[in-house]
Amino acid sequence: MNSAKITGLIVGGIVIACLAFVVVLFLVKVLWAWTVPDLFPGAVQQGLVAASISWFSAAKIAICVAVLSGLVGSRLSHENKD
């Protein structure tokens, strides 16, 4: 492979990763606003749980879920090798 193809693959991978991150942020934000007020109406009314979250909070939740998924995935792959 020449360097132009490798550079194209790297740039394409970065673009796809960025798009996936934005889609996940959108999904976390929308799903939070859709489900949390229905699941915890009393807590939302009392102000214990936010009815909607900011983009920054959605990013923190997405990163946390990604780290936990990575840990579980790596653990499962090690169990399958045994």
Protein backbone atom coordinates (compact mmCIF):
# COMPACT_ATOMS: atom_id res chain seq x y z
CA MET A 1 0.00 0.00 0.00
CA ASN A 2 1.25 3.44 -0.77
CA SER A 3 1.17 6.34 1.66
CA ALA A 4 -1.80 8.06 -0.03
CA LYS A 5 -4.03 5.03 0.57
CA ILE A 6 -2.88 4.72 4.17
CA THR A 7 -3.51 8.42 4.77
CA GLY A 8 -6.95 8.10 3.20
CA LEU A 9 -7.80 5.14 5.41
CA ILE A 10 -6.67 6.98 8.52
CA VAL A 11 -8.63 10.12 7.65
CA GLY A 12 -11.68 8.05 6.75
CA GLY A 13 -11.46 6.17 10.04
CA ILE A 14 -11.24 9.42 11.99
CA VAL A 15 -14.24 10.86 10.14
CA ILE A 16 -16.30 7.71 10.75
CA ALA A 17 -15.32 7.70 14.44
CA CYS A 18 -16.34 11.36 14.80
CA LEU A 19 -19.68 10.74 13.09
CA ALA A 20 -20.33 7.71 15.28
CA PHE A 21 -19.54 9.79 18.39
CA VAL A 22 -21.99 12.52 17.34
CA VAL A 23 -24.70 9.95 16.63
CA VAL A 24 -24.16 8.31 20.02
CA LEU A 25 -24.31 11.73 21.76
CA PHE A 26 -27.58 12.48 20.00
CA LEU A 27 -29.02 9.09 20.94
CA VAL A 28 -28.01 9.43 24.60
CA LYS A 29 -29.51 12.92 24.81
CA VAL A 30 -32.77 11.97 23.11
CA LEU A 31 -33.20 8.68 24.96
CA TRP A 32 -32.57 10.38 28.29
CA ALA A 33 -35.24 13.02 27.64
CA TRP A 34 -37.62 10.32 26.39
CA THR A 35 -37.24 7.69 29.13
CA VAL A 36 -36.08 9.27 32.38
CA PRO A 37 -39.14 11.50 33.01
CA ASP A 38 -41.40 8.48 32.44
CA LEU A 39 -39.34 6.15 34.63
CA PHE A 40 -38.72 8.59 37.49
CA PRO A 41 -41.52 11.20 37.43
CA GLY A 42 -41.39 11.93 41.15
CA ALA A 43 -37.62 12.35 41.15
CA VAL A 44 -37.83 14.70 38.16
CA GLN A 45 -40.53 16.80 39.88
CA GLN A 46 -38.45 17.06 43.05
CA GLY A 47 -35.35 17.98 41.06
CA LEU A 48 -33.41 14.87 42.05
CA VAL A 49 -32.99 13.74 38.44
CA ALA A 50 -32.67 15.99 35.42
CA ALA A 51 -35.46 15.74 32.86
CA SER A 52 -32.98 16.54 30.08
CA ILE A 53 -29.21 16.64 29.96
CA SER A 54 -26.66 18.86 28.25
CA TRP A 55 -24.44 17.81 25.37
CA PHE A 56 -21.47 17.71 27.75
CA SER A 57 -23.32 15.37 30.14
CA ALA A 58 -24.31 13.18 27.20
CA ALA A 59 -20.64 13.01 26.18
CA LYS A 60 -19.61 11.96 29.69
CA ILE A 61 -22.27 9.24 29.77
CA ALA A 62 -21.26 8.02 26.29
CA ILE A 63 -17.59 7.84 27.31
CA CYS A 64 -18.46 5.97 30.51
CA VAL A 65 -20.60 3.46 28.60
CA ALA A 66 -17.84 3.01 26.01
CA VAL A 67 -15.24 2.28 28.69
CA LEU A 68 -17.53 -0.18 30.46
CA SER A 69 -18.38 -1.88 27.15
CA GLY A 70 -14.71 -2.17 26.32
CA LEU A 71 -13.97 -3.74 29.69
CA VAL A 72 -16.81 -6.25 29.38
CA GLY A 73 -15.89 -7.02 25.77
CA SER A 74 -12.26 -7.66 26.60
CA ARG A 75 -13.25 -9.84 29.53
CA LEU A 76 -15.61 -11.89 27.36
CA SER A 77 -12.97 -12.35 24.68
CA HIS A 78 -10.50 -13.64 27.29
CA GLU A 79 -13.11 -16.09 28.64
CA ASN A 80 -13.80 -17.43 25.12
CA LYS A 81 -10.09 -18.21 24.60
CA ASP A 82 -9.97 -20.51 27.63
